[in-house]
């Protein structure tokens, strides 16, 4: 630890920001200007005299979203703690328990410097206001279900109702489910409908993992000049970054208002104990991809999308032709066109749960077909479906069967 931190110089008020290359790029720049300014920021937009910041643009935004085996994960309830509201302006925010412990160690050290305004450090009081972190346990799955339910119901309306080219016959949930499954065969559907893919997307920000937090900030992510004017040009900001580093946290160079728990720093290693990163993930996170819970969550989004459809388009319009024949001396035929409307049948939550439990044998096959449509563009998987059916008949545990199905289709 001593060697690691011996090279860090806590900047004082006399140190200037001459190691900064100021970039004026933003999303409003032209394509050429945006490329040039982004390159300038990548090369010298963050001070090189400070501890190196994370560059998620370079490594990918997967920190805390996957374990060391590359599997999508989600924090366990017991791994999250509520942040004292004195740090959040009264907002309810959660952090990983070890990150919060590191932050409190940092706070206890630096609060004296703030009280004394040592080296004008009080100019950066925002570091004591956590604006973003993780939400309550279950919030992410709730957001996922709302997002996908709306996506699927709109997709159904566009394809079966608005287009006028297809027949909307979903009088009940079971028929609706069949039509949704058909959509996966004929329409290019976003993989985000799967929970694990949703977690890897920008819909699930890194702060939701509990391993990162953001302070109050008004600078846009693409505003490189704003980052310089608000953060990097102030020596006191460099001092705060160094102190955070000393207490196990590293900043995001592309978003200097975001701070992340660094497993490789000695204070963090000491805080979490003598465990490997994978052991830490096993203890504090649940694997999502390829689980029975993920499959249930997916079908739950279809149920919720059906409930959305009941609100958006509760009535089915039907056209039929009635043919009558009369024989009285000679044969006559009469054709009559008739149009009428019927209401879709509702389905309660309890009825849906019973449907899931009763039809698992059917649903696991349909789930396999959907996974194949998303990951393999509908290749021939008759042999895989046959194997899945046999394993199910032999009584393989449902969790193991879903894991086998997911891994066989995605990775084989």
Protein backbone atom coordinates (compact mmCIF):
# COMPACT_ATOMS: atom_id res chain seq x y z
CA UNK A 1 0.00 0.00 0.00
CA UNK A 2 2.76 2.43 0.88
CA UNK A 3 4.49 1.96 -2.45
CA UNK A 4 1.25 2.39 -4.39
CA UNK A 5 0.40 5.67 -2.75
CA UNK A 6 3.93 7.04 -2.41
CA UNK A 7 3.83 8.38 -5.99
CA UNK A 8 0.62 10.35 -5.49
CA UNK A 9 1.05 14.07 -4.98
CA UNK A 10 -1.93 15.86 -3.46
CA UNK A 11 -2.01 19.07 -5.53
CA UNK A 12 -2.05 22.37 -3.71
CA UNK A 13 -3.50 25.66 -4.90
CA UNK A 14 -0.29 26.61 -6.74
CA UNK A 15 -0.45 23.71 -9.21
CA UNK A 16 -1.85 24.71 -12.58
CA UNK A 17 -3.67 22.58 -15.13
CA UNK A 18 -1.01 22.82 -17.82
CA UNK A 19 -1.29 19.08 -18.47
CA UNK A 20 -4.81 19.55 -19.91
CA UNK A 21 -5.61 19.73 -23.61
CA UNK A 22 -8.88 21.64 -23.71
CA UNK A 23 -11.49 20.05 -25.98
CA UNK A 24 -14.54 21.89 -27.30
CA UNK A 25 -16.33 18.86 -28.68
CA UNK A 26 -19.97 17.96 -28.07
CA UNK A 27 -22.80 16.13 -29.81
CA UNK A 28 -23.57 19.39 -31.64
CA UNK A 29 -20.19 19.30 -33.40
CA UNK A 30 -19.84 18.24 -37.02
CA UNK A 31 -18.67 14.69 -37.65
CA UNK A 32 -15.08 15.76 -38.39
CA UNK A 33 -14.93 18.22 -35.49
CA UNK A 34 -16.44 15.66 -33.12
CA UNK A 35 -13.80 13.11 -34.13
CA UNK A 36 -10.93 15.58 -33.70
CA UNK A 37 -12.19 16.94 -30.39
CA UNK A 38 -12.87 13.45 -29.06
CA UNK A 39 -9.31 12.47 -29.94
CA UNK A 40 -7.97 15.55 -28.15
CA UNK A 41 -10.00 14.69 -25.06
CA UNK A 42 -8.93 11.05 -25.15
CA UNK A 43 -5.26 12.00 -25.37
CA UNK A 44 -5.17 14.88 -22.94
CA UNK A 45 -8.65 15.84 -21.78
CA UNK A 46 -8.03 14.58 -18.24
CA UNK A 47 -4.97 15.54 -16.16
CA UNK A 48 -2.18 12.98 -16.37
CA UNK A 49 -0.69 14.23 -13.07
CA UNK A 50 -3.73 12.76 -11.32
CA UNK A 51 -4.50 9.06 -10.70
CA UNK A 52 -5.68 7.52 -13.94
CA UNK A 53 -9.44 7.59 -14.35
CA UNK A 54 -11.63 4.84 -15.72
CA UNK A 55 -12.32 5.11 -19.46
CA UNK A 56 -15.50 3.13 -20.03
CA UNK A 57 -15.67 4.40 -23.60
CA UNK A 58 -12.54 2.33 -24.15
CA UNK A 59 -13.32 -0.73 -22.01
CA UNK A 60 -17.12 -0.87 -22.34
CA UNK A 61 -19.81 0.08 -19.87
CA UNK A 62 -19.99 -3.32 -18.19
CA UNK A 63 -18.39 -2.55 -14.82
CA UNK A 64 -20.50 -4.19 -12.12
CA UNK A 65 -22.89 -5.55 -14.75
CA UNK A 66 -21.01 -8.79 -15.40
CA UNK A 67 -18.90 -11.08 -13.25
CA UNK A 68 -15.43 -12.31 -14.20
CA UNK A 69 -17.06 -15.08 -16.25
CA UNK A 70 -18.91 -12.52 -18.36
CA UNK A 71 -22.37 -13.35 -16.99
CA UNK A 72 -24.93 -10.59 -16.43
CA UNK A 73 -25.42 -9.99 -12.71
CA UNK A 74 -27.55 -7.94 -10.35
CA UNK A 75 -26.77 -6.86 -6.76
CA UNK A 76 -28.29 -8.92 -3.97
CA UNK A 77 -30.60 -7.14 -1.56
CA UNK A 78 -28.22 -7.64 1.37
CA UNK A 79 -25.31 -6.10 -0.57
CA UNK A 80 -27.02 -2.69 -0.72
CA UNK A 81 -27.29 -0.16 2.10
CA UNK A 82 -29.22 3.07 2.26
CA UNK A 83 -27.05 6.19 2.18
CA UNK A 84 -27.48 8.66 5.02
CA UNK A 85 -29.79 11.38 3.72
CA UNK A 86 -27.34 14.05 4.88
CA UNK A 87 -25.33 13.05 1.79
CA UNK A 88 -28.32 12.91 -0.59
CA UNK A 89 -30.39 16.04 0.08
CA UNK A 90 -33.09 13.80 1.48
CA UNK A 91 -33.29 11.47 -1.54
CA UNK A 92 -33.41 7.69 -0.98
CA UNK A 93 -30.25 6.26 -2.57
CA UNK A 94 -28.52 2.91 -2.06
CA UNK A 95 -24.89 1.91 -2.52
CA UNK A 96 -22.92 -1.28 -2.28
CA UNK A 97 -22.13 -1.71 1.41
CA UNK A 98 -18.36 -1.76 0.85
CA UNK A 99 -18.35 1.28 -1.42
CA UNK A 100 -20.38 3.15 1.17
CA UNK A 101 -17.93 2.09 3.89
CA UNK A 102 -15.03 3.41 1.79
CA UNK A 103 -16.89 6.67 1.21
CA UNK A 104 -17.51 7.09 4.93
CA UNK A 105 -13.79 6.55 5.61
CA UNK A 106 -13.07 9.25 3.03
CA UNK A 107 -15.68 11.55 4.60
CA UNK A 108 -14.28 11.18 8.11
CA UNK A 109 -10.84 12.17 6.82
CA UNK A 110 -11.79 15.02 4.57
CA UNK A 111 -14.54 16.66 6.63
CA UNK A 112 -11.90 18.26 8.85
CA UNK A 113 -10.19 19.74 5.79
CA UNK A 114 -13.55 21.10 4.68
CA UNK A 115 -14.20 22.62 8.09
CA UNK A 116 -10.81 24.34 8.02
CA UNK A 117 -11.13 25.02 4.27
CA UNK A 118 -7.64 23.64 3.84
CA UNK A 119 -6.25 24.66 0.43
CA UNK A 120 -9.71 26.02 -0.52
CA UNK A 121 -11.12 22.49 -0.54
CA UNK A 122 -14.55 23.78 0.50
CA UNK A 123 -14.90 25.11 -3.06
CA UNK A 124 -15.74 21.54 -4.09
CA UNK A 125 -18.45 20.76 -1.55
CA UNK A 126 -20.40 18.82 -4.23
CA UNK A 127 -18.38 15.73 -3.31
CA UNK A 128 -20.54 15.53 -0.18
CA UNK A 129 -23.78 15.36 -2.17
CA UNK A 130 -24.49 11.98 -3.74
CA UNK A 131 -27.07 12.51 -6.45
CA UNK A 132 -27.20 9.07 -8.11
CA UNK A 133 -26.64 5.54 -6.91
CA UNK A 134 -28.61 2.33 -6.88
CA UNK A 135 -32.36 2.22 -6.34
CA UNK A 136 -34.37 0.01 -4.02
CA UNK A 137 -34.07 -3.75 -4.46
CA UNK A 138 -36.34 -4.88 -7.29
CA UNK A 139 -36.48 -1.46 -8.96
CA UNK A 140 -34.36 -2.56 -11.93
CA UNK A 141 -36.55 -5.57 -12.71
CA UNK A 142 -39.62 -3.38 -12.39
CA UNK A 143 -38.15 -0.87 -14.86
CA UNK A 144 -37.24 -3.72 -17.22
CA UNK A 145 -40.76 -5.12 -17.20
CA UNK A 146 -42.37 -1.74 -17.83
CA UNK A 147 -39.93 -1.00 -20.68
CA UNK A 148 -40.37 -4.34 -22.45
CA UNK A 149 -44.13 -4.55 -21.88
CA UNK A 150 -44.59 -1.19 -23.59
CA UNK A 151 -42.21 -2.21 -26.39
CA UNK A 152 -44.05 -5.48 -27.08
CA UNK A 153 -47.55 -4.02 -26.94
CA UNK A 154 -46.59 -1.26 -29.38
CA UNK A 155 -44.93 -3.83 -31.64
CA UNK A 156 -48.09 -5.93 -31.57
CA UNK A 157 -50.29 -2.95 -32.41
CA UNK A 158 -48.04 -1.90 -35.30
CA UNK A 159 -47.89 -5.39 -36.82
CA UNK A 160 -51.34 -6.82 -36.16
CA UNK A 161 -53.62 -3.78 -35.92
CA UNK A 162 -52.25 -0.61 -37.51
CA UNK A 163 -50.71 -2.23 -40.58
CA UNK A 164 -54.02 -3.65 -41.83
CA UNK A 165 -52.11 -6.53 -43.42
CA UNK A 166 -52.33 -9.04 -40.59
CA UNK A 167 -55.14 -10.56 -38.57
CA UNK A 168 -55.54 -9.58 -34.93
CA UNK A 169 -57.31 -12.58 -33.40
CA UNK A 170 -55.94 -12.25 -29.83
CA UNK A 171 -59.26 -12.68 -28.04
CA UNK A 172 -57.40 -14.05 -24.99
CA UNK A 173 -53.91 -14.18 -23.51
CA UNK A 174 -53.04 -17.59 -24.92
CA UNK A 175 -53.75 -16.47 -28.49
CA UNK A 176 -51.88 -13.23 -27.83
CA UNK A 177 -48.86 -15.23 -26.64
CA UNK A 178 -48.92 -17.29 -29.83
CA UNK A 179 -49.00 -14.10 -31.90
CA UNK A 180 -46.11 -12.59 -29.94
CA UNK A 181 -44.03 -15.72 -30.49
CA UNK A 182 -44.79 -15.45 -34.19
CA UNK A 183 -43.51 -11.86 -34.13
CA UNK A 184 -40.08 -13.13 -33.08
CA UNK A 185 -40.01 -15.21 -36.27
CA UNK A 186 -41.03 -12.46 -38.71
CA UNK A 187 -39.83 -9.18 -37.12
CA UNK A 188 -36.34 -8.09 -36.08
CA UNK A 189 -36.85 -7.68 -32.33
CA UNK A 190 -34.34 -6.03 -30.00
CA UNK A 191 -32.46 -8.38 -27.66
CA UNK A 192 -33.24 -5.97 -24.82
CA UNK A 193 -36.47 -7.92 -24.31
CA UNK A 194 -34.27 -10.39 -22.40
CA UNK A 195 -33.40 -9.33 -18.87
CA UNK A 196 -29.68 -10.07 -19.18
CA UNK A 197 -29.43 -7.99 -22.37
CA UNK A 198 -31.34 -5.14 -20.73
CA UNK A 199 -28.79 -5.11 -17.89
CA UNK A 200 -25.93 -4.74 -20.37
CA UNK A 201 -27.57 -1.77 -22.08
CA UNK A 202 -27.59 1.95 -21.31
CA UNK A 203 -31.05 1.47 -19.80
CA UNK A 204 -29.19 0.11 -16.78
CA UNK A 205 -26.55 2.71 -15.80
CA UNK A 206 -23.43 1.73 -13.90
CA UNK A 207 -24.67 3.56 -10.79
CA UNK A 208 -27.50 1.01 -10.46
CA UNK A 209 -24.93 -1.70 -9.72
CA UNK A 210 -24.22 -0.02 -6.40
CA UNK A 211 -20.50 0.05 -7.22
CA UNK A 212 -20.53 3.68 -8.41
CA UNK A 213 -22.13 6.97 -7.47
CA UNK A 214 -22.48 10.41 -9.02
CA UNK A 215 -22.37 13.78 -7.32
CA UNK A 216 -24.50 16.79 -8.22
CA UNK A 217 -23.66 17.84 -11.75
CA UNK A 218 -25.03 20.07 -14.52
CA UNK A 219 -22.50 19.21 -17.26
CA UNK A 220 -23.62 17.03 -20.16
CA UNK A 221 -21.68 13.84 -20.87
CA UNK A 222 -20.64 15.08 -24.33
CA UNK A 223 -19.60 18.57 -23.15
CA UNK A 224 -15.82 18.28 -22.93
CA UNK A 225 -15.31 22.03 -22.44
CA UNK A 226 -17.84 21.97 -19.61
CA UNK A 227 -15.86 19.21 -17.92
CA UNK A 228 -12.75 21.39 -18.02
CA UNK A 229 -14.47 24.55 -16.81
CA UNK A 230 -16.40 22.84 -14.02
CA UNK A 231 -13.87 20.24 -12.84
CA UNK A 232 -10.44 19.82 -14.36
CA UNK A 233 -9.25 23.43 -14.25
CA UNK A 234 -9.55 23.59 -10.45
CA UNK A 235 -6.57 22.26 -8.46
CA UNK A 236 -8.92 21.50 -5.57
CA UNK A 237 -10.72 18.99 -7.78
CA UNK A 238 -7.42 17.17 -8.30
CA UNK A 239 -6.93 17.09 -4.55
CA UNK A 240 -10.34 15.50 -4.06
CA UNK A 241 -9.61 12.89 -6.75
CA UNK A 242 -6.38 11.94 -5.03
CA UNK A 243 -8.10 11.61 -1.67
CA UNK A 244 -10.83 9.44 -3.18
CA UNK A 245 -8.12 7.30 -4.74
CA UNK A 246 -6.36 6.91 -1.41
CA UNK A 247 -9.65 5.61 0.03
CA UNK A 248 -10.31 3.04 -2.70
CA UNK A 249 -12.30 4.98 -5.31
CA UNK A 250 -11.40 6.05 -8.83
CA UNK A 251 -13.09 8.66 -11.01
CA UNK A 252 -14.52 8.28 -14.51
CA UNK A 253 -12.38 10.45 -16.83
CA UNK A 254 -15.29 10.92 -19.25
CA UNK A 255 -17.68 11.81 -16.44
CA UNK A 256 -15.61 13.41 -13.66
CA UNK A 257 -18.71 13.60 -11.45
CA UNK A 258 -18.83 9.77 -11.27
CA UNK A 259 -16.78 7.71 -8.78
CA UNK A 260 -16.29 3.96 -8.78
CA UNK A 261 -15.10 1.40 -6.26
CA UNK A 262 -11.77 0.03 -7.54
CA UNK A 263 -11.19 -3.61 -6.55
CA UNK A 264 -7.48 -3.27 -7.35
CA UNK A 265 -6.72 -0.56 -4.78
CA UNK A 266 -5.40 -1.68 -1.37
CA UNK A 267 -8.11 0.05 0.72
CA UNK A 268 -10.78 -1.79 -1.25
CA UNK A 269 -8.95 -5.11 -1.01
CA UNK A 270 -8.67 -4.63 2.75
CA UNK A 271 -12.34 -3.68 3.07
CA UNK A 272 -13.71 -6.70 1.19
CA UNK A 273 -11.31 -9.19 2.77
CA UNK A 274 -9.21 -11.91 1.19
CA UNK A 275 -11.59 -12.93 -1.58
CA UNK A 276 -11.16 -13.03 -5.33
CA UNK A 277 -13.27 -10.79 -7.53
CA UNK A 278 -15.40 -13.74 -8.60
CA UNK A 279 -15.93 -14.78 -4.99
CA UNK A 280 -16.98 -11.22 -4.24
CA UNK A 281 -19.48 -11.27 -7.10
CA UNK A 282 -20.79 -14.66 -5.92
CA UNK A 283 -21.32 -13.29 -2.43
CA UNK A 284 -22.89 -9.97 -3.38
CA UNK A 285 -24.56 -10.43 -6.78
CA UNK A 286 -27.04 -12.81 -8.36
CA UNK A 287 -26.43 -14.25 -11.82
CA UNK A 288 -29.30 -13.25 -14.12
CA UNK A 289 -28.59 -14.71 -17.55
CA UNK A 290 -29.77 -18.23 -18.20
CA UNK A 291 -31.83 -18.48 -14.99
CA UNK A 292 -35.40 -19.57 -14.32
CA UNK A 293 -36.04 -16.11 -12.85
CA UNK A 294 -35.00 -14.50 -16.14
CA UNK A 295 -37.37 -16.76 -18.09
CA UNK A 296 -40.23 -15.96 -15.69
CA UNK A 297 -39.48 -12.23 -15.93
CA UNK A 298 -39.61 -12.45 -19.73
CA UNK A 299 -43.02 -14.12 -19.81
CA UNK A 300 -44.18 -11.66 -17.19
CA UNK A 301 -43.38 -8.83 -19.62
CA UNK A 302 -45.58 -10.55 -22.21
CA UNK A 303 -48.39 -10.75 -19.66
CA UNK A 304 -47.96 -7.07 -18.80
CA UNK A 305 -47.89 -6.18 -22.50
CA UNK A 306 -51.22 -7.99 -22.88
CA UNK A 307 -52.60 -5.91 -20.00
CA UNK A 308 -51.31 -2.83 -21.85
CA UNK A 309 -53.10 -4.02 -24.98
CA UNK A 310 -56.34 -4.32 -23.01
CA UNK A 311 -56.02 -0.61 -22.28
CA UNK A 312 -54.78 0.55 -25.68
CA UNK A 313 -56.90 -1.68 -27.93
CA UNK A 314 -59.48 -3.60 -25.87
CA UNK A 315 -61.75 -4.41 -28.81
CA UNK A 316 -61.19 -6.76 -31.74
CA UNK A 317 -63.01 -5.91 -34.97
CA UNK A 318 -64.13 -8.96 -36.91
CA UNK A 319 -65.44 -9.33 -40.44
CA UNK A 320 -67.13 -12.50 -41.57
CA UNK A 321 -69.11 -13.74 -44.50
CA UNK A 322 -72.31 -15.71 -43.84
CA UNK A 323 -73.48 -18.07 -46.58
CA UNK A 324 -77.07 -19.35 -46.50
CA UNK A 325 -78.62 -21.93 -48.84
CA UNK A 326 -82.32 -22.48 -49.51
CA UNK A 327 -83.81 -25.39 -51.40
CA UNK A 328 -87.46 -25.03 -52.46
CA UNK A 329 -87.76 -26.26 -55.91
CA UNK A 330 -84.41 -24.78 -56.84
CA UNK A 331 -81.10 -24.16 -55.04
CA UNK A 332 -80.23 -20.59 -54.02
CA UNK A 333 -77.18 -19.23 -52.21
CA UNK A 334 -76.99 -15.96 -50.33
CA UNK A 335 -73.80 -14.28 -49.13
CA UNK A 336 -73.93 -11.70 -46.36
CA UNK A 337 -70.98 -9.71 -45.01
CA UNK A 338 -71.13 -8.87 -41.33
CA UNK A 339 -68.81 -6.77 -39.14
CA UNK A 340 -68.86 -6.77 -35.37
CA UNK A 341 -66.64 -6.14 -32.36
CA UNK A 342 -65.73 -8.25 -29.33
CA UNK A 343 -63.81 -7.44 -26.16
CA UNK A 344 -60.57 -9.25 -25.39
CA UNK A 345 -60.71 -11.48 -22.34
CA UNK A 346 -58.97 -10.23 -19.21
CA UNK A 347 -56.48 -12.35 -17.26
CA UNK A 348 -55.80 -11.83 -13.58
CA UNK A 349 -52.35 -12.12 -12.04
CA UNK A 350 -53.37 -15.30 -10.21
CA UNK A 351 -54.66 -16.83 -13.46
CA UNK A 352 -51.41 -15.94 -15.20
CA UNK A 353 -49.32 -17.57 -12.45
CA UNK A 354 -51.41 -20.73 -12.74
CA UNK A 355 -50.95 -20.66 -16.52
CA UNK A 356 -47.15 -20.43 -16.11
CA UNK A 357 -46.99 -23.36 -13.69
CA UNK A 358 -49.36 -25.54 -15.68
CA UNK A 359 -47.71 -24.94 -19.06
CA UNK A 360 -44.00 -25.03 -18.24
CA UNK A 361 -43.42 -27.93 -20.69
CA UNK A 362 -44.82 -25.83 -23.54
CA UNK A 363 -43.26 -22.54 -22.44
CA UNK A 364 -39.69 -23.86 -22.21
CA UNK A 365 -39.91 -24.92 -25.88
CA UNK A 366 -41.36 -21.55 -26.88
CA UNK A 367 -38.66 -19.80 -24.86
CA UNK A 368 -36.01 -21.81 -26.73
CA UNK A 369 -37.53 -20.75 -30.06
CA UNK A 370 -37.49 -17.09 -28.97
CA UNK A 371 -33.87 -17.32 -27.77
CA UNK A 372 -32.93 -18.87 -31.09
CA UNK A 373 -34.66 -16.05 -33.00
CA UNK A 374 -32.76 -13.44 -31.00
CA UNK A 375 -29.31 -15.02 -30.91
CA UNK A 376 -29.18 -17.14 -34.07
CA UNK A 377 -31.71 -15.59 -36.47
CA UNK A 378 -33.87 -18.69 -36.41
CA UNK A 379 -31.42 -21.48 -37.30
CA UNK A 380 -32.66 -25.08 -37.29
CA UNK A 381 -32.75 -26.29 -33.67
CA UNK A 382 -35.03 -29.32 -33.98
CA UNK A 383 -32.44 -31.56 -32.34
CA UNK A 384 -31.98 -29.11 -29.46
CA UNK A 385 -35.75 -28.86 -28.94
CA UNK A 386 -35.95 -32.66 -28.92
CA UNK A 387 -33.21 -32.85 -26.28
CA UNK A 388 -34.89 -30.17 -24.16
CA UNK A 389 -38.18 -32.04 -24.32
CA UNK A 390 -36.51 -35.32 -23.30
CA UNK A 391 -34.64 -33.74 -20.40
CA UNK A 392 -37.89 -32.21 -19.21
CA UNK A 393 -39.70 -35.57 -19.39
CA UNK A 394 -36.87 -37.16 -17.40
CA UNK A 395 -37.55 -34.66 -14.61
CA UNK A 396 -34.51 -32.41 -14.90
CA UNK A 397 -34.74 -29.56 -12.39
CA UNK A 398 -36.39 -26.51 -13.98
CA UNK A 399 -33.48 -24.21 -13.08
CA UNK A 400 -31.00 -26.61 -14.67
CA UNK A 401 -33.21 -27.07 -17.73
CA UNK A 402 -33.50 -23.33 -18.35
CA UNK A 403 -29.74 -22.92 -17.89
CA UNK A 404 -29.07 -25.76 -20.34
CA UNK A 405 -31.51 -24.25 -22.86
CA UNK A 406 -30.03 -20.77 -22.64
CA UNK A 407 -26.38 -21.84 -22.84
CA UNK A 408 -27.00 -24.38 -25.61
CA UNK A 409 -28.71 -21.83 -27.81
CA UNK A 410 -26.60 -18.74 -27.08
CA UNK A 411 -23.13 -20.25 -26.88
CA UNK A 412 -23.22 -23.46 -28.94
